[in-house]
Amino acid sequence: MKFQVIFTFDSEYAGYVAEVPELPGCVSQGKTLDEAIENIKDAITGYLHVQAKHGKPYIVKELQEPPHTLV
């Protein structure tokens, strides 16, 4: 399963914050981008495990076409 992850650099933390919009509250961080990637992978795994454990398994949403831009 693949998820969109948004990475932002936090100058106060001096590292990267990673957020998965499709999984509310699934956030992690790392001092380097590589560390943030590994940490968010662990966070996603944990998130999905906890959801399944509580009877709320993740259901893959249908792929939707991206919104069209009118010019």
N, C-alpha and C. Protein backbone atom coordinates (compact mmCIF):
# COMPACT_ATOMS: atom_id res chain seq x y z
N MET A 1 0.84 -1.17 0.00
CA MET A 1 0.00 0.00 0.00
C MET A 1 0.89 1.24 0.00
N LYS A 2 0.51 2.20 -0.77
CA LYS A 2 1.26 3.45 -0.82
C LYS A 2 0.36 4.60 -0.42
N PHE A 3 0.95 5.56 0.28
CA PHE A 3 0.23 6.73 0.74
C PHE A 3 1.00 7.99 0.35
N GLN A 4 0.26 9.06 0.10
CA GLN A 4 0.89 10.35 -0.11
C GLN A 4 1.41 10.83 1.23
N VAL A 5 2.66 11.28 1.24
CA VAL A 5 3.26 11.84 2.45
C VAL A 5 3.73 13.26 2.13
N ILE A 6 3.39 14.18 3.00
CA ILE A 6 3.82 15.57 2.83
C ILE A 6 4.96 15.83 3.81
N PHE A 7 6.10 16.25 3.27
CA PHE A 7 7.28 16.56 4.08
C PHE A 7 7.45 18.08 4.11
N THR A 8 7.65 18.60 5.28
CA THR A 8 7.95 20.03 5.42
C THR A 8 9.17 20.17 6.32
N PHE A 9 9.98 21.17 6.02
CA PHE A 9 11.15 21.43 6.86
C PHE A 9 10.73 22.37 7.97
N ASP A 10 11.04 22.00 9.19
CA ASP A 10 10.72 22.81 10.37
C ASP A 10 12.02 23.41 10.88
N SER A 11 12.19 24.70 10.68
CA SER A 11 13.45 25.35 11.06
C SER A 11 13.65 25.37 12.57
N GLU A 12 12.57 25.43 13.33
CA GLU A 12 12.70 25.41 14.80
C GLU A 12 13.21 24.05 15.27
N TYR A 13 12.71 22.99 14.67
CA TYR A 13 13.13 21.63 14.99
C TYR A 13 14.46 21.29 14.31
N ALA A 14 14.74 22.01 13.22
CA ALA A 14 15.93 21.76 12.38
C ALA A 14 15.87 20.36 11.79
N GLY A 15 14.68 20.03 11.28
CA GLY A 15 14.48 18.73 10.66
C GLY A 15 13.18 18.71 9.88
N TYR A 16 12.80 17.53 9.46
CA TYR A 16 11.63 17.37 8.61
C TYR A 16 10.45 16.77 9.37
N VAL A 17 9.26 17.26 9.06
CA VAL A 17 8.02 16.73 9.60
C VAL A 17 7.30 16.03 8.45
N ALA A 18 6.80 14.82 8.70
CA ALA A 18 6.10 14.05 7.68
C ALA A 18 4.68 13.81 8.14
N GLU A 19 3.74 14.02 7.22
CA GLU A 19 2.32 13.86 7.54
C GLU A 19 1.63 13.08 6.43
N VAL A 20 0.73 12.18 6.80
CA VAL A 20 -0.04 11.39 5.84
C VAL A 20 -1.48 11.90 5.88
N PRO A 21 -1.88 12.71 4.91
CA PRO A 21 -3.23 13.30 4.94
C PRO A 21 -4.36 12.26 4.98
N GLU A 22 -4.15 11.12 4.37
CA GLU A 22 -5.19 10.10 4.30
C GLU A 22 -5.39 9.36 5.63
N LEU A 23 -4.39 9.50 6.53
CA LEU A 23 -4.46 8.84 7.83
C LEU A 23 -4.39 9.92 8.92
N PRO A 24 -5.53 10.44 9.34
CA PRO A 24 -5.55 11.55 10.29
C PRO A 24 -4.74 11.26 11.55
N GLY A 25 -3.83 12.18 11.86
CA GLY A 25 -3.00 12.04 13.05
C GLY A 25 -1.73 11.25 12.83
N CYS A 26 -1.53 10.72 11.64
CA CYS A 26 -0.32 9.95 11.35
C CYS A 26 0.78 10.94 10.93
N VAL A 27 1.64 11.25 11.89
CA VAL A 27 2.68 12.26 11.71
C VAL A 27 3.97 11.73 12.31
N SER A 28 5.09 12.09 11.72
CA SER A 28 6.39 11.74 12.29
C SER A 28 7.39 12.81 11.90
N GLN A 29 8.64 12.58 12.25
CA GLN A 29 9.67 13.59 11.96
C GLN A 29 11.03 12.92 11.90
N GLY A 30 12.01 13.68 11.46
CA GLY A 30 13.38 13.19 11.42
C GLY A 30 14.32 14.35 11.16
N LYS A 31 15.53 14.25 11.65
CA LYS A 31 16.51 15.33 11.45
C LYS A 31 16.95 15.42 9.99
N THR A 32 16.91 14.29 9.28
CA THR A 32 17.21 14.29 7.85
C THR A 32 15.98 13.78 7.10
N LEU A 33 15.94 14.02 5.80
CA LEU A 33 14.81 13.54 5.01
C LEU A 33 14.76 12.01 5.03
N ASP A 34 15.92 11.36 4.94
CA ASP A 34 15.96 9.90 4.99
C ASP A 34 15.41 9.37 6.32
N GLU A 35 15.78 10.02 7.41
CA GLU A 35 15.27 9.62 8.73
C GLU A 35 13.76 9.83 8.81
N ALA A 36 13.28 10.94 8.28
CA ALA A 36 11.83 11.21 8.29
C ALA A 36 11.09 10.17 7.47
N ILE A 37 11.65 9.74 6.35
CA ILE A 37 11.01 8.72 5.51
C ILE A 37 10.90 7.41 6.27
N GLU A 38 11.99 6.98 6.90
CA GLU A 38 11.95 5.74 7.67
C GLU A 38 10.97 5.83 8.84
N ASN A 39 10.97 6.97 9.52
CA ASN A 39 10.08 7.14 10.67
C ASN A 39 8.61 7.15 10.26
N ILE A 40 8.28 7.77 9.12
CA ILE A 40 6.87 7.81 8.71
C ILE A 40 6.42 6.43 8.25
N LYS A 41 7.33 5.65 7.68
CA LYS A 41 6.98 4.27 7.32
C LYS A 41 6.59 3.49 8.57
N ASP A 42 7.37 3.65 9.63
CA ASP A 42 7.05 3.00 10.91
C ASP A 42 5.73 3.51 11.47
N ALA A 43 5.50 4.82 11.35
CA ALA A 43 4.26 5.41 11.87
C ALA A 43 3.05 4.87 11.10
N ILE A 44 3.17 4.74 9.79
CA ILE A 44 2.06 4.21 8.98
C ILE A 44 1.76 2.77 9.39
N THR A 45 2.80 1.96 9.55
CA THR A 45 2.62 0.56 9.96
C THR A 45 1.91 0.50 11.31
N GLY A 46 2.36 1.32 12.25
CA GLY A 46 1.74 1.34 13.57
C GLY A 46 0.30 1.81 13.52
N TYR A 47 0.05 2.85 12.74
CA TYR A 47 -1.31 3.39 12.60
C TYR A 47 -2.25 2.31 12.08
N LEU A 48 -1.85 1.64 11.01
CA LEU A 48 -2.70 0.61 10.42
C LEU A 48 -2.91 -0.56 11.38
N HIS A 49 -1.89 -0.92 12.13
CA HIS A 49 -2.00 -2.01 13.11
C HIS A 49 -3.01 -1.65 14.20
N VAL A 50 -2.90 -0.46 14.73
CA VAL A 50 -3.82 -0.03 15.79
C VAL A 50 -5.25 0.06 15.29
N GLN A 51 -5.43 0.59 14.09
CA GLN A 51 -6.79 0.67 13.52
C GLN A 51 -7.39 -0.73 13.39
N ALA A 52 -6.61 -1.67 12.86
CA ALA A 52 -7.10 -3.04 12.68
C ALA A 52 -7.39 -3.69 14.03
N LYS A 53 -6.53 -3.45 15.00
CA LYS A 53 -6.71 -4.02 16.34
C LYS A 53 -8.01 -3.54 16.99
N HIS A 54 -8.42 -2.32 16.66
CA HIS A 54 -9.65 -1.77 17.22
C HIS A 54 -10.86 -1.95 16.29
N GLY A 55 -10.73 -2.88 15.36
CA GLY A 55 -11.85 -3.20 14.49
C GLY A 55 -12.15 -2.17 13.43
N LYS A 56 -11.17 -1.35 13.11
CA LYS A 56 -11.36 -0.32 12.08
C LYS A 56 -10.26 -0.44 11.02
N PRO A 57 -10.22 -1.57 10.31
CA PRO A 57 -9.17 -1.75 9.32
C PRO A 57 -9.25 -0.69 8.22
N TYR A 58 -8.09 -0.34 7.69
CA TYR A 58 -8.04 0.65 6.62
C TYR A 58 -8.66 0.06 5.37
N ILE A 59 -9.53 0.82 4.73
CA ILE A 59 -10.15 0.40 3.47
C ILE A 59 -9.62 1.30 2.37
N VAL A 60 -9.05 0.67 1.36
CA VAL A 60 -8.47 1.43 0.25
C VAL A 60 -9.57 2.19 -0.46
N LYS A 61 -9.35 3.49 -0.61
CA LYS A 61 -10.32 4.32 -1.30
C LYS A 61 -10.11 4.18 -2.80
N GLU A 62 -11.19 4.34 -3.54
CA GLU A 62 -11.09 4.27 -4.99
C GLU A 62 -10.23 5.42 -5.49
N LEU A 63 -9.45 5.13 -6.51
CA LEU A 63 -8.65 6.18 -7.11
C LEU A 63 -9.57 7.17 -7.81
N GLN A 64 -9.31 8.43 -7.56
CA GLN A 64 -10.12 9.45 -8.19
C GLN A 64 -9.23 10.25 -9.14
N GLU A 65 -9.83 10.75 -10.18
CA GLU A 65 -9.07 11.60 -11.09
C GLU A 65 -8.74 12.90 -10.37
N PRO A 66 -7.53 13.43 -10.63
CA PRO A 66 -7.23 14.72 -10.02
C PRO A 66 -8.17 15.79 -10.55
N PRO A 67 -8.43 16.82 -9.75
CA PRO A 67 -9.32 17.87 -10.24
C PRO A 67 -8.75 18.55 -11.48
N HIS A 68 -9.63 18.92 -12.38
CA HIS A 68 -9.19 19.59 -13.60
C HIS A 68 -9.08 21.09 -13.35
N THR A 69 -8.08 21.68 -13.94
CA THR A 69 -7.90 23.12 -13.82
C THR A 69 -8.41 23.80 -15.08
N LEU A 70 -9.28 24.76 -14.90
CA LEU A 70 -9.77 25.54 -16.03
C LEU A 70 -8.94 26.79 -16.16
N VAL A 71 -8.53 27.08 -17.38
CA VAL A 71 -7.71 28.28 -17.62
C VAL A 71 -8.48 29.25 -18.46
